[in-house]
Amino acid sequence: MGGRYHLPGLAALGGHLGRKGDGPPGWQTLWLGRRSLRLLVEGVNIAAQLLDD
């Protein structure tokens, strides 16, 4: 899968509403989405480690 599939998801996590007239997300919105995704993945990993102990 290419960026065409991943960028809208990252943009949504970064706060982009994706309405018809909004235009494409900017770099800051994509960066915020990437940061949110990274924190979510880190939280899931921590929770999995706690359940394994």
C-alpha atoms as a PDB file:
ATOM      1  CA  MET A   1       0.000   0.000   0.000  1.00  0.00           C
ATOM      2  CA  GLY A   2       1.225   3.423  -0.828  1.00  0.00           C
ATOM      3  CA  GLY A   3       0.912   6.783   0.840  1.00  0.00           C
ATOM      4  CA  ARG A   4      -2.460   7.312  -0.795  1.00  0.00           C
ATOM      5  CA  TYR A   5      -3.914   4.938   1.814  1.00  0.00           C
ATOM      6  CA  HIS A   6      -1.886   5.979   4.841  1.00  0.00           C
ATOM      7  CA  LEU A   7      -1.877   9.765   4.592  1.00  0.00           C
ATOM      8  CA  PRO A   8      -5.620  10.281   5.179  1.00  0.00           C
ATOM      9  CA  GLY A   9      -5.402   8.196   8.350  1.00  0.00           C
ATOM     10  CA  LEU A  10      -2.407  10.129   9.652  1.00  0.00           C
ATOM     11  CA  ALA A  11      -4.086  13.389   8.735  1.00  0.00           C
ATOM     12  CA  ALA A  12      -7.215  12.397  10.652  1.00  0.00           C
ATOM     13  CA  LEU A  13      -5.137  11.556  13.722  1.00  0.00           C
ATOM     14  CA  GLY A  14      -3.490  14.958  13.347  1.00  0.00           C
ATOM     15  CA  GLY A  15      -6.840  16.756  13.359  1.00  0.00           C
ATOM     16  CA  HIS A  16      -7.592  17.110   9.647  1.00  0.00           C
ATOM     17  CA  LEU A  17     -11.341  16.894   9.131  1.00  0.00           C
ATOM     18  CA  GLY A  18     -11.167  15.821   5.499  1.00  0.00           C
ATOM     19  CA  ARG A  19     -14.162  17.830   4.356  1.00  0.00           C
ATOM     20  CA  LYS A  20     -14.711  18.453   0.670  1.00  0.00           C
ATOM     21  CA  GLY A  21     -13.376  22.026   0.668  1.00  0.00           C
ATOM     22  CA  ASP A  22     -10.554  21.572   3.198  1.00  0.00           C
ATOM     23  CA  GLY A  23      -7.803  20.755   0.740  1.00  0.00           C
ATOM     24  CA  PRO A  24      -4.914  18.418   1.464  1.00  0.00           C
ATOM     25  CA  PRO A  25      -3.413  18.186   4.944  1.00  0.00           C
ATOM     26  CA  GLY A  26      -0.220  20.078   5.643  1.00  0.00           C
ATOM     27  CA  TRP A  27       3.060  18.757   6.999  1.00  0.00           C
ATOM     28  CA  GLN A  28       2.305  19.883  10.540  1.00  0.00           C
ATOM     29  CA  THR A  29      -1.002  17.994  10.554  1.00  0.00           C
ATOM     30  CA  LEU A  30       0.694  14.871   9.205  1.00  0.00           C
ATOM     31  CA  TRP A  31       3.453  15.197  11.815  1.00  0.00           C
ATOM     32  CA  LEU A  32       0.866  15.486  14.605  1.00  0.00           C
ATOM     33  CA  GLY A  33      -0.898  12.415  13.251  1.00  0.00           C
ATOM     34  CA  ARG A  34       2.350  10.470  13.141  1.00  0.00           C
ATOM     35  CA  ARG A  35       3.098  11.494  16.714  1.00  0.00           C
ATOM     36  CA  SER A  36      -0.371  10.387  17.840  1.00  0.00           C
ATOM     37  CA  LEU A  37       0.033   7.042  16.080  1.00  0.00           C
ATOM     38  CA  ARG A  38       3.453   6.536  17.657  1.00  0.00           C
ATOM     39  CA  LEU A  39       2.018   7.226  21.136  1.00  0.00           C
ATOM     40  CA  LEU A  40      -0.886   4.841  20.538  1.00  0.00           C
ATOM     41  CA  VAL A  41       1.468   2.056  19.429  1.00  0.00           C
ATOM     42  CA  GLU A  42       3.730   2.688  22.417  1.00  0.00           C
ATOM     43  CA  GLY A  43       0.732   2.484  24.757  1.00  0.00           C
ATOM     44  CA  VAL A  44      -0.384  -0.813  23.236  1.00  0.00           C
ATOM     45  CA  ASN A  45       3.137  -2.210  23.617  1.00  0.00           C
ATOM     46  CA  ILE A  46       3.287  -1.154  27.275  1.00  0.00           C
ATOM     47  CA  ALA A  47      -0.131  -2.674  27.949  1.00  0.00           C
ATOM     48  CA  ALA A  48       0.939  -5.934  26.289  1.00  0.00           C
ATOM     49  CA  GLN A  49       4.072  -6.045  28.439  1.00  0.00           C
ATOM     50  CA  LEU A  50       2.008  -5.494  31.591  1.00  0.00           C
ATOM     51  CA  LEU A  51      -0.343  -8.338  30.652  1.00  0.00           C
ATOM     52  CA  ASP A  52       2.598 -10.689  30.016  1.00  0.00           C
ATOM     53  CA  ASP A  53       4.052 -10.124  33.487  1.00  0.00           C
END
